[in-house]
Amino acid sequence: MLLQGAHPSYKPEQSNIVPASDPLCDRVQRNPNECNYDINYADRSSSMGAYVRDNMQLISEDSERENVDIVFGYEPTFQLPWQI
């Protein structure tokens, strides 16, 4: 059973995926030919995917809007435990 949220699932544009040539990858990767992540959490769950750079609009407590560039991990095949 797939639960629907208020918004569709995030799917980045190909141009938003951080390429291996990006300076960010020099700081987070050992392999110069890739820019992805693989993390294991304390609850024994894990996530593996690509870094994505995108823009998000934040709204402050006084309703001011600000566009902010962020980088985050994107796992394209994420499944919740009850979907398996």
PDB file of N, CA and C in Angstrom:
ATOM      1  N   MET A   1       0.841  -1.174   0.000  1.00  0.00           N
ATOM      2  CA  MET A   1       0.000   0.000   0.000  1.00  0.00           C
ATOM      3  C   MET A   1       0.889   1.240   0.000  1.00  0.00           C
ATOM      4  N   LEU A   2       0.683   2.119  -0.933  1.00  0.00           N
ATOM      5  CA  LEU A   2       1.452   3.356  -1.035  1.00  0.00           C
ATOM      6  C   LEU A   2       0.605   4.498  -0.515  1.00  0.00           C
ATOM      7  N   LEU A   3       1.131   5.233   0.453  1.00  0.00           N
ATOM      8  CA  LEU A   3       0.405   6.357   1.013  1.00  0.00           C
ATOM      9  C   LEU A   3       0.694   7.608   0.201  1.00  0.00           C
ATOM     10  N   GLN A   4      -0.326   8.356  -0.115  1.00  0.00           N
ATOM     11  CA  GLN A   4      -0.175   9.603  -0.853  1.00  0.00           C
ATOM     12  C   GLN A   4      -0.049  10.765   0.112  1.00  0.00           C
ATOM     13  N   GLY A   5       0.893  11.631  -0.118  1.00  0.00           N
ATOM     14  CA  GLY A   5       1.049  12.834   0.684  1.00  0.00           C
ATOM     15  C   GLY A   5       0.393  14.013  -0.005  1.00  0.00           C
ATOM     16  N   ALA A   6       0.590  15.172   0.574  1.00  0.00           N
ATOM     17  CA  ALA A   6       0.010  16.387   0.019  1.00  0.00           C
ATOM     18  C   ALA A   6       0.691  16.796  -1.284  1.00  0.00           C
ATOM     19  N   HIS A   7       1.914  16.349  -1.477  1.00  0.00           N
ATOM     20  CA  HIS A   7       2.691  16.701  -2.659  1.00  0.00           C
ATOM     21  C   HIS A   7       3.242  15.431  -3.298  1.00  0.00           C
ATOM     22  N   PRO A   8       3.499  15.458  -4.598  1.00  0.00           N
ATOM     23  CA  PRO A   8       4.099  14.277  -5.237  1.00  0.00           C
ATOM     24  C   PRO A   8       5.528  14.070  -4.741  1.00  0.00           C
ATOM     25  N   SER A   9       6.031  12.854  -4.868  1.00  0.00           N
ATOM     26  CA  SER A   9       7.403  12.557  -4.468  1.00  0.00           C
ATOM     27  C   SER A   9       8.385  13.405  -5.261  1.00  0.00           C
ATOM     28  N   TYR A  10       9.472  13.796  -4.616  1.00  0.00           N
ATOM     29  CA  TYR A  10      10.498  14.615  -5.258  1.00  0.00           C
ATOM     30  C   TYR A  10      11.255  13.792  -6.290  1.00  0.00           C
ATOM     31  N   LYS A  11      11.393  14.349  -7.476  1.00  0.00           N
ATOM     32  CA  LYS A  11      12.208  13.742  -8.535  1.00  0.00           C
ATOM     33  C   LYS A  11      13.058  14.857  -9.133  1.00  0.00           C
ATOM     34  N   PRO A  12      14.369  14.831  -8.878  1.00  0.00           N
ATOM     35  CA  PRO A  12      15.215  15.921  -9.367  1.00  0.00           C
ATOM     36  C   PRO A  12      15.394  15.883 -10.880  1.00  0.00           C
ATOM     37  N   GLU A  13      15.618  17.041 -11.438  1.00  0.00           N
ATOM     38  CA  GLU A  13      16.013  17.140 -12.842  1.00  0.00           C
ATOM     39  C   GLU A  13      17.439  16.584 -12.950  1.00  0.00           C
ATOM     40  N   GLN A  14      17.778  16.020 -14.079  1.00  0.00           N
ATOM     41  CA  GLN A  14      19.122  15.483 -14.294  1.00  0.00           C
ATOM     42  C   GLN A  14      20.182  16.552 -14.033  1.00  0.00           C
ATOM     43  N   SER A  15      19.878  17.793 -14.385  1.00  0.00           N
ATOM     44  CA  SER A  15      20.840  18.882 -14.196  1.00  0.00           C
ATOM     45  C   SER A  15      21.072  19.216 -12.725  1.00  0.00           C
ATOM     46  N   ASN A  16      20.204  18.749 -11.823  1.00  0.00           N
ATOM     47  CA  ASN A  16      20.363  19.024 -10.396  1.00  0.00           C
ATOM     48  C   ASN A  16      21.233  17.985  -9.686  1.00  0.00           C
ATOM     49  N   ILE A  17      21.502  16.859 -10.326  1.00  0.00           N
ATOM     50  CA  ILE A  17      22.347  15.841  -9.713  1.00  0.00           C
ATOM     51  C   ILE A  17      23.793  16.335  -9.729  1.00  0.00           C
ATOM     52  N   VAL A  18      24.432  16.298  -8.571  1.00  0.00           N
ATOM     53  CA  VAL A  18      25.787  16.838  -8.442  1.00  0.00           C
ATOM     54  C   VAL A  18      26.764  15.923  -9.180  1.00  0.00           C
ATOM     55  N   PRO A  19      27.496  16.457 -10.176  1.00  0.00           N
ATOM     56  CA  PRO A  19      28.441  15.630 -10.940  1.00  0.00           C
ATOM     57  C   PRO A  19      29.735  15.389 -10.153  1.00  0.00           C
ATOM     58  N   ALA A  20      30.451  14.359 -10.527  1.00  0.00           N
ATOM     59  CA  ALA A  20      31.713  14.014  -9.867  1.00  0.00           C
ATOM     60  C   ALA A  20      32.740  15.140  -9.976  1.00  0.00           C
ATOM     61  N   SER A  21      32.617  15.994 -10.974  1.00  0.00           N
ATOM     62  CA  SER A  21      33.573  17.098 -11.163  1.00  0.00           C
ATOM     63  C   SER A  21      33.302  18.284 -10.235  1.00  0.00           C
ATOM     64  N   ASP A  22      32.209  18.269  -9.495  1.00  0.00           N
ATOM     65  CA  ASP A  22      31.854  19.366  -8.587  1.00  0.00           C
ATOM     66  C   ASP A  22      32.826  19.403  -7.405  1.00  0.00           C
ATOM     67  N   PRO A  23      33.272  20.591  -6.977  1.00  0.00           N
ATOM     68  CA  PRO A  23      34.192  20.699  -5.832  1.00  0.00           C
ATOM     69  C   PRO A  23      33.647  20.064  -4.553  1.00  0.00           C
ATOM     70  N   LEU A  24      32.346  20.025  -4.385  1.00  0.00           N
ATOM     71  CA  LEU A  24      31.753  19.374  -3.217  1.00  0.00           C
ATOM     72  C   LEU A  24      32.195  17.915  -3.123  1.00  0.00           C
ATOM     73  N   CYS A  25      32.266  17.252  -4.244  1.00  0.00           N
ATOM     74  CA  CYS A  25      32.618  15.826  -4.262  1.00  0.00           C
ATOM     75  C   CYS A  25      34.047  15.585  -3.809  1.00  0.00           C
ATOM     76  N   ASP A  26      34.931  16.539  -4.039  1.00  0.00           N
ATOM     77  CA  ASP A  26      36.307  16.409  -3.563  1.00  0.00           C
ATOM     78  C   ASP A  26      36.348  16.256  -2.045  1.00  0.00           C
ATOM     79  N   ARG A  27      35.397  16.900  -1.358  1.00  0.00           N
ATOM     80  CA  ARG A  27      35.377  16.882   0.110  1.00  0.00           C
ATOM     81  C   ARG A  27      34.674  15.663   0.681  1.00  0.00           C
ATOM     82  N   VAL A  28      33.781  15.033  -0.079  1.00  0.00           N
ATOM     83  CA  VAL A  28      32.965  13.949   0.489  1.00  0.00           C
ATOM     84  C   VAL A  28      33.209  12.579  -0.133  1.00  0.00           C
ATOM     85  N   GLN A  29      34.016  12.489  -1.173  1.00  0.00           N
ATOM     86  CA  GLN A  29      34.226  11.212  -1.874  1.00  0.00           C
ATOM     87  C   GLN A  29      35.684  10.811  -1.881  1.00  0.00           C
ATOM     88  N   ARG A  30      35.885   9.517  -1.847  1.00  0.00           N
ATOM     89  CA  ARG A  30      37.243   8.983  -2.030  1.00  0.00           C
ATOM     90  C   ARG A  30      37.499   8.674  -3.499  1.00  0.00           C
ATOM     91  N   ASN A  31      36.447   8.307  -4.222  1.00  0.00           N
ATOM     92  CA  ASN A  31      36.563   7.958  -5.643  1.00  0.00           C
ATOM     93  C   ASN A  31      36.290   9.216  -6.475  1.00  0.00           C
ATOM     94  N   PRO A  32      37.260   9.679  -7.256  1.00  0.00           N
ATOM     95  CA  PRO A  32      37.068  10.907  -8.031  1.00  0.00           C
ATOM     96  C   PRO A  32      36.072  10.766  -9.191  1.00  0.00           C
ATOM     97  N   ASN A  33      35.609   9.544  -9.476  1.00  0.00           N
ATOM     98  CA  ASN A  33      34.696   9.333 -10.606  1.00  0.00           C
ATOM     99  C   ASN A  33      33.226   9.276 -10.209  1.00  0.00           C
ATOM    100  N   GLU A  34      32.919   9.480  -8.935  1.00  0.00           N
ATOM    101  CA  GLU A  34      31.520   9.429  -8.521  1.00  0.00           C
ATOM    102  C   GLU A  34      31.240  10.435  -7.412  1.00  0.00           C
ATOM    103  N   CYS A  35      29.979  10.777  -7.274  1.00  0.00           N
ATOM    104  CA  CYS A  35      29.559  11.690  -6.220  1.00  0.00           C
ATOM    105  C   CYS A  35      28.225  11.175  -5.680  1.00  0.00           C
ATOM    106  N   ASN A  36      28.304  10.217  -4.790  1.00  0.00           N
ATOM    107  CA  ASN A  36      27.096   9.667  -4.198  1.00  0.00           C
ATOM    108  C   ASN A  36      27.341   9.411  -2.721  1.00  0.00           C
ATOM    109  N   TYR A  37      26.302   8.993  -2.024  1.00  0.00           N
ATOM    110  CA  TYR A  37      26.437   8.745  -0.596  1.00  0.00           C
ATOM    111  C   TYR A  37      25.913   7.352  -0.261  1.00  0.00           C
ATOM    112  N   ASP A  38      26.363   6.840   0.861  1.00  0.00           N
ATOM    113  CA  ASP A  38      25.930   5.545   1.390  1.00  0.00           C
ATOM    114  C   ASP A  38      26.061   5.676   2.902  1.00  0.00           C
ATOM    115  N   ILE A  39      24.937   5.678   3.619  1.00  0.00           N
ATOM    116  CA  ILE A  39      24.956   5.909   5.059  1.00  0.00           C
ATOM    117  C   ILE A  39      24.153   4.841   5.785  1.00  0.00           C
ATOM    118  N   ASN A  40      24.672   4.417   6.929  1.00  0.00           N
ATOM    119  CA  ASN A  40      23.991   3.463   7.801  1.00  0.00           C
ATOM    120  C   ASN A  40      23.630   4.184   9.090  1.00  0.00           C
ATOM    121  N   TYR A  41      22.390   4.013   9.535  1.00  0.00           N
ATOM    122  CA  TYR A  41      21.897   4.672  10.742  1.00  0.00           C
ATOM    123  C   TYR A  41      21.915   3.721  11.929  1.00  0.00           C
ATOM    124  N   ALA A  42      21.802   4.276  13.124  1.00  0.00           N
ATOM    125  CA  ALA A  42      21.850   3.483  14.360  1.00  0.00           C
ATOM    126  C   ALA A  42      20.729   2.448  14.435  1.00  0.00           C
ATOM    127  N   ASP A  43      19.587   2.722  13.810  1.00  0.00           N
ATOM    128  CA  ASP A  43      18.469   1.765  13.850  1.00  0.00           C
ATOM    129  C   ASP A  43      18.610   0.654  12.811  1.00  0.00           C
ATOM    130  N   ARG A  44      19.788   0.577  12.188  1.00  0.00           N
ATOM    131  CA  ARG A  44      20.140  -0.413  11.168  1.00  0.00           C
ATOM    132  C   ARG A  44      19.486  -0.187   9.813  1.00  0.00           C
ATOM    133  N   SER A  45      18.830   0.948   9.638  1.00  0.00           N
ATOM    134  CA  SER A  45      18.340   1.295   8.310  1.00  0.00           C
ATOM    135  C   SER A  45      19.496   1.951   7.562  1.00  0.00           C
ATOM    136  N   SER A  46      19.334   2.144   6.283  1.00  0.00           N
ATOM    137  CA  SER A  46      20.399   2.759   5.496  1.00  0.00           C
ATOM    138  C   SER A  46      19.795   3.529   4.327  1.00  0.00           C
ATOM    139  N   SER A  47      20.630   4.320   3.703  1.00  0.00           N
ATOM    140  CA  SER A  47      20.219   5.086   2.533  1.00  0.00           C
ATOM    141  C   SER A  47      21.422   5.185   1.604  1.00  0.00           C
ATOM    142  N   MET A  48      21.168   5.081   0.313  1.00  0.00           N
ATOM    143  CA  MET A  48      22.228   5.152  -0.679  1.00  0.00           C
ATOM    144  C   MET A  48      21.663   5.858  -1.905  1.00  0.00           C
ATOM    145  N   GLY A  49      22.386   6.816  -2.422  1.00  0.00           N
ATOM    146  CA  GLY A  49      21.894   7.533  -3.593  1.00  0.00           C
ATOM    147  C   GLY A  49      22.855   8.606  -4.046  1.00  0.00           C
ATOM    148  N   ALA A  50      22.317   9.606  -4.706  1.00  0.00           N
ATOM    149  CA  ALA A  50      23.110  10.687  -5.291  1.00  0.00           C
ATOM    150  C   ALA A  50      22.916  11.980  -4.507  1.00  0.00           C
ATOM    151  N   TYR A  51      23.920  12.849  -4.577  1.00  0.00           N
ATOM    152  CA  TYR A  51      23.760  14.197  -4.039  1.00  0.00           C
ATOM    153  C   TYR A  51      23.027  15.039  -5.078  1.00  0.00           C
ATOM    154  N   VAL A  52      22.117  15.867  -4.600  1.00  0.00           N
ATOM    155  CA  VAL A  52      21.321  16.729  -5.465  1.00  0.00           C
ATOM    156  C   VAL A  52      21.445  18.157  -4.963  1.00  0.00           C
ATOM    157  N   ARG A  53      21.547  19.099  -5.876  1.00  0.00           N
ATOM    158  CA  ARG A  53      21.573  20.527  -5.534  1.00  0.00           C
ATOM    159  C   ARG A  53      20.284  21.135  -6.073  1.00  0.00           C
ATOM    160  N   ASP A  54      19.540  21.778  -5.201  1.00  0.00           N
ATOM    161  CA  ASP A  54      18.261  22.359  -5.629  1.00  0.00           C
ATOM    162  C   ASP A  54      17.983  23.616  -4.818  1.00  0.00           C
ATOM    163  N   ASN A  55      16.910  24.290  -5.157  1.00  0.00           N
ATOM    164  CA  ASN A  55      16.524  25.527  -4.504  1.00  0.00           C
ATOM    165  C   ASN A  55      15.242  25.287  -3.724  1.00  0.00           C
ATOM    166  N   MET A  56      15.197  25.792  -2.503  1.00  0.00           N
ATOM    167  CA  MET A  56      14.021  25.635  -1.666  1.00  0.00           C
ATOM    168  C   MET A  56      13.612  27.006  -1.147  1.00  0.00           C
ATOM    169  N   GLN A  57      12.310  27.237  -1.091  1.00  0.00           N
ATOM    170  CA  GLN A  57      11.827  28.499  -0.546  1.00  0.00           C
ATOM    171  C   GLN A  57      11.460  28.300   0.917  1.00  0.00           C
ATOM    172  N   LEU A  58      12.104  29.073   1.785  1.00  0.00           N
ATOM    173  CA  LEU A  58      11.823  29.017   3.211  1.00  0.00           C
ATOM    174  C   LEU A  58      10.983  30.225   3.598  1.00  0.00           C
ATOM    175  N   ILE A  59      10.094  30.022   4.547  1.00  0.00           N
ATOM    176  CA  ILE A  59       9.238  31.110   5.028  1.00  0.00           C
ATOM    177  C   ILE A  59       9.523  31.286   6.518  1.00  0.00           C
ATOM    178  N   SER A  60       9.923  32.495   6.892  1.00  0.00           N
ATOM    179  CA  SER A  60      10.265  32.774   8.283  1.00  0.00           C
ATOM    180  C   SER A  60       9.003  32.985   9.114  1.00  0.00           C
ATOM    181  N   GLU A  61       9.186  33.119  10.426  1.00  0.00           N
ATOM    182  CA  GLU A  61       8.051  33.326  11.322  1.00  0.00           C
ATOM    183  C   GLU A  61       7.283  34.597  10.988  1.00  0.00           C
ATOM    184  N   ASP A  62       7.971  35.604  10.450  1.00  0.00           N
ATOM    185  CA  ASP A  62       7.283  36.844  10.084  1.00  0.00           C
ATOM    186  C   ASP A  62       6.859  36.847   8.608  1.00  0.00           C
ATOM    187  N   SER A  63       6.734  35.665   8.018  1.00  0.00           N
ATOM    188  CA  SER A  63       6.227  35.442   6.662  1.00  0.00           C
ATOM    189  C   SER A  63       7.122  35.966   5.549  1.00  0.00           C
ATOM    190  N   GLU A  64       8.390  36.231   5.850  1.00  0.00           N
ATOM    191  CA  GLU A  64       9.339  36.611   4.811  1.00  0.00           C
ATOM    192  C   GLU A  64       9.740  35.351   4.052  1.00  0.00           C
ATOM    193  N   ARG A  65       9.811  35.453   2.728  1.00  0.00           N
ATOM    194  CA  ARG A  65      10.199  34.314   1.894  1.00  0.00           C
ATOM    195  C   ARG A  65      11.632  34.499   1.420  1.00  0.00           C
ATOM    196  N   GLU A  66      12.387  33.411   1.472  1.00  0.00           N
ATOM    197  CA  GLU A  66      13.773  33.456   1.023  1.00  0.00           C
ATOM    198  C   GLU A  66      14.096  32.177   0.266  1.00  0.00           C
ATOM    199  N   ASN A  67      14.685  32.321  -0.919  1.00  0.00           N
ATOM    200  CA  ASN A  67      15.128  31.170  -1.705  1.00  0.00           C
ATOM    201  C   ASN A  67      16.537  30.796  -1.270  1.00  0.00           C
ATOM    202  N   VAL A  68      16.738  29.504  -0.988  1.00  0.00           N
ATOM    203  CA  VAL A  68      18.013  29.017  -0.482  1.00  0.00           C
ATOM    204  C   VAL A  68      18.447  27.820  -1.323  1.00  0.00           C
ATOM    205  N   ASP A  69      19.715  27.825  -1.754  1.00  0.00           N
ATOM    206  CA  ASP A  69      20.276  26.669  -2.446  1.00  0.00           C
ATOM    207  C   ASP A  69      20.717  25.653  -1.403  1.00  0.00           C
ATOM    208  N   ILE A  70      20.334  24.394  -1.581  1.00  0.00           N
ATOM    209  CA  ILE A  70      20.694  23.336  -0.642  1.00  0.00           C
ATOM    210  C   ILE A  70      21.234  22.126  -1.409  1.00  0.00           C
ATOM    211  N   VAL A  71      22.028  21.318  -0.725  1.00  0.00           N
ATOM    212  CA  VAL A  71      22.509  20.044  -1.266  1.00  0.00           C
ATOM    213  C   VAL A  71      22.054  18.967  -0.290  1.00  0.00           C
ATOM    214  N   PHE A  72      21.490  17.904  -0.817  1.00  0.00           N
ATOM    215  CA  PHE A  72      20.986  16.827   0.023  1.00  0.00           C
ATOM    216  C   PHE A  72      21.101  15.505  -0.716  1.00  0.00           C
ATOM    217  N   GLY A  73      20.955  14.428   0.019  1.00  0.00           N
ATOM    218  CA  GLY A  73      21.005  13.106  -0.575  1.00  0.00           C
ATOM    219  C   GLY A  73      19.640  12.704  -1.099  1.00  0.00           C
ATOM    220  N   TYR A  74      19.621  12.070  -2.261  1.00  0.00           N
ATOM    221  CA  TYR A  74      18.383  11.616  -2.893  1.00  0.00           C
ATOM    222  C   TYR A  74      18.502  10.133  -3.189  1.00  0.00           C
ATOM    223  N   GLU A  75      17.609   9.352  -2.589  1.00  0.00           N
ATOM    224  CA  GLU A  75      17.572   7.917  -2.844  1.00  0.00           C
ATOM    225  C   GLU A  75      16.394   7.637  -3.764  1.00  0.00           C
ATOM    226  N   PRO A  76      16.646   7.347  -5.030  1.00  0.00           N
ATOM    227  CA  PRO A  76      15.553   7.228  -6.004  1.00  0.00           C
ATOM    228  C   PRO A  76      14.637   6.028  -5.799  1.00  0.00           C
ATOM    229  N   THR A  77      15.081   5.001  -5.095  1.00  0.00           N
ATOM    230  CA  THR A  77      14.245   3.806  -4.957  1.00  0.00           C
ATOM    231  C   THR A  77      13.793   3.603  -3.519  1.00  0.00           C
ATOM    232  N   PHE A  78      13.600   4.683  -2.782  1.00  0.00           N
ATOM    233  CA  PHE A  78      13.208   4.584  -1.379  1.00  0.00           C
ATOM    234  C   PHE A  78      11.883   3.861  -1.229  1.00  0.00           C
ATOM    235  N   GLN A  79      11.831   2.888  -0.301  1.00  0.00           N
ATOM    236  CA  GLN A  79      10.595   2.181   0.021  1.00  0.00           C
ATOM    237  C   GLN A  79      10.437   2.135   1.530  1.00  0.00           C
ATOM    238  N   LEU A  80       9.246   2.398   1.990  1.00  0.00           N
ATOM    239  CA  LEU A  80       8.949   2.279   3.408  1.00  0.00           C
ATOM    240  C   LEU A  80       8.829   0.791   3.739  1.00  0.00           C
ATOM    241  N   PRO A  81       9.124   0.395   4.988  1.00  0.00           N
ATOM    242  CA  PRO A  81       9.110  -1.028   5.329  1.00  0.00           C
ATOM    243  C   PRO A  81       7.797  -1.739   4.975  1.00  0.00           C
ATOM    244  N   TRP A  82       6.664  -1.056   5.062  1.00  0.00           N
ATOM    245  CA  TRP A  82       5.395  -1.729   4.766  1.00  0.00           C
ATOM    246  C   TRP A  82       5.106  -1.811   3.275  1.00  0.00           C
ATOM    247  N   GLN A  83       5.989  -1.253   2.426  1.00  0.00           N
ATOM    248  CA  GLN A  83       5.822  -1.345   0.979  1.00  0.00           C
ATOM    249  C   GLN A  83       6.565  -2.539   0.404  1.00  0.00           C
ATOM    250  N   ILE A  84       7.412  -3.189   1.178  1.00  0.00           N
ATOM    251  CA  ILE A  84       8.258  -4.269   0.678  1.00  0.00           C
ATOM    252  C   ILE A  84       7.472  -5.552   0.556  1.00  0.00           C
TER     253      ILE A  84
END
